Amino acid sequence: MPAIRRKPQMEVGQVWEGCSKKGYGLTRRRIAAITDDTVSWEIVGSCFNGPKSATTSRAAWQAWTKLQVIR
């Protein structure tokens, strides 16, 4: 049985590394704020030309993090 990789619960200041879609470059995202239904994040140490920060729903963030753990 393969080992299951798990990240700790979300907390402010935690950094996640991953990509938006397969084949895209990796970005590092730091959680800036967490509310009951949203997560605000910012890009850390990257020359990425896309958005530098964003707010997304908590469900969307958790779906993205699950994909990063599976990869």
Protein backbone atom coordinates (compact mmCIF):
# COMPACT_ATOMS: atom_id res chain seq x y z
CA MET A 1 0.00 0.00 0.00
CA PRO A 2 1.49 3.38 -1.00
CA ALA A 3 2.08 6.04 1.60
CA ILE A 4 -0.43 8.88 1.72
CA ARG A 5 1.07 12.37 1.72
CA ARG A 6 -0.87 14.85 3.78
CA LYS A 7 -0.43 18.53 4.57
CA PRO A 8 -1.38 19.97 7.95
CA GLN A 9 -4.58 21.97 8.35
CA MET A 10 -4.68 25.36 6.64
CA GLU A 11 -3.19 28.20 8.62
CA VAL A 12 -2.12 31.76 7.85
CA GLY A 13 1.50 31.92 6.67
CA GLN A 14 1.55 28.36 5.35
CA VAL A 15 3.21 28.02 1.91
CA TRP A 16 1.92 25.66 -0.77
CA GLU A 17 3.84 24.83 -3.93
CA GLY A 18 2.01 23.65 -7.01
CA CYS A 19 0.65 24.51 -10.41
CA SER A 20 -2.78 25.53 -11.63
CA LYS A 21 -2.90 22.93 -14.40
CA LYS A 22 -0.72 20.00 -15.42
CA GLY A 23 2.18 21.22 -17.55
CA TYR A 24 2.13 24.75 -16.11
CA GLY A 25 5.02 26.10 -14.07
CA LEU A 26 5.16 25.72 -10.31
CA THR A 27 4.25 28.63 -8.08
CA ARG A 28 4.56 29.04 -4.33
CA ARG A 29 1.45 30.44 -2.64
CA ARG A 30 1.35 31.75 0.92
CA ILE A 31 -1.97 31.90 2.73
CA ALA A 32 -2.52 35.54 3.72
CA ALA A 33 -5.94 35.30 5.41
CA ILE A 34 -8.62 32.73 6.12
CA THR A 35 -12.27 33.52 6.79
CA ASP A 36 -15.29 31.25 7.16
CA ASP A 37 -15.78 30.92 3.41
CA THR A 38 -12.71 32.46 1.65
CA VAL A 39 -8.94 32.04 1.50
CA SER A 40 -6.66 34.91 0.44
CA TRP A 41 -3.26 33.98 -0.95
CA GLU A 42 -0.21 35.66 -2.49
CA ILE A 43 2.59 34.47 -4.77
CA VAL A 44 5.96 34.03 -3.03
CA GLY A 45 9.35 34.40 -4.76
CA SER A 46 8.37 34.00 -8.39
CA CYS A 47 8.70 35.79 -11.71
CA PHE A 48 5.21 34.57 -12.58
CA ASN A 49 3.42 37.05 -14.86
CA GLY A 50 -0.09 36.21 -13.65
CA PRO A 51 -1.92 37.48 -10.58
CA LYS A 52 0.27 38.12 -7.53
CA SER A 53 -2.55 37.59 -5.05
CA ALA A 54 -6.16 36.50 -5.03
CA THR A 55 -9.11 35.53 -2.89
CA THR A 56 -10.86 32.25 -3.60
CA SER A 57 -13.57 30.21 -1.97
CA ARG A 58 -12.49 27.83 0.75
CA ALA A 59 -13.87 24.87 -1.25
CA ALA A 60 -11.88 25.83 -4.36
CA TRP A 61 -8.68 26.21 -2.31
CA GLN A 62 -9.16 22.81 -0.69
CA ALA A 63 -9.82 21.20 -4.09
CA TRP A 64 -6.58 22.76 -5.43
CA THR A 65 -4.55 21.57 -2.43
CA LYS A 66 -5.90 18.01 -2.78
CA LEU A 67 -4.68 17.97 -6.39
CA GLN A 68 -1.21 19.08 -5.26
CA VAL A 69 -0.99 16.30 -2.66
CA ILE A 70 -2.10 13.66 -5.17
CA ARG A 71 0.51 14.69 -7.82
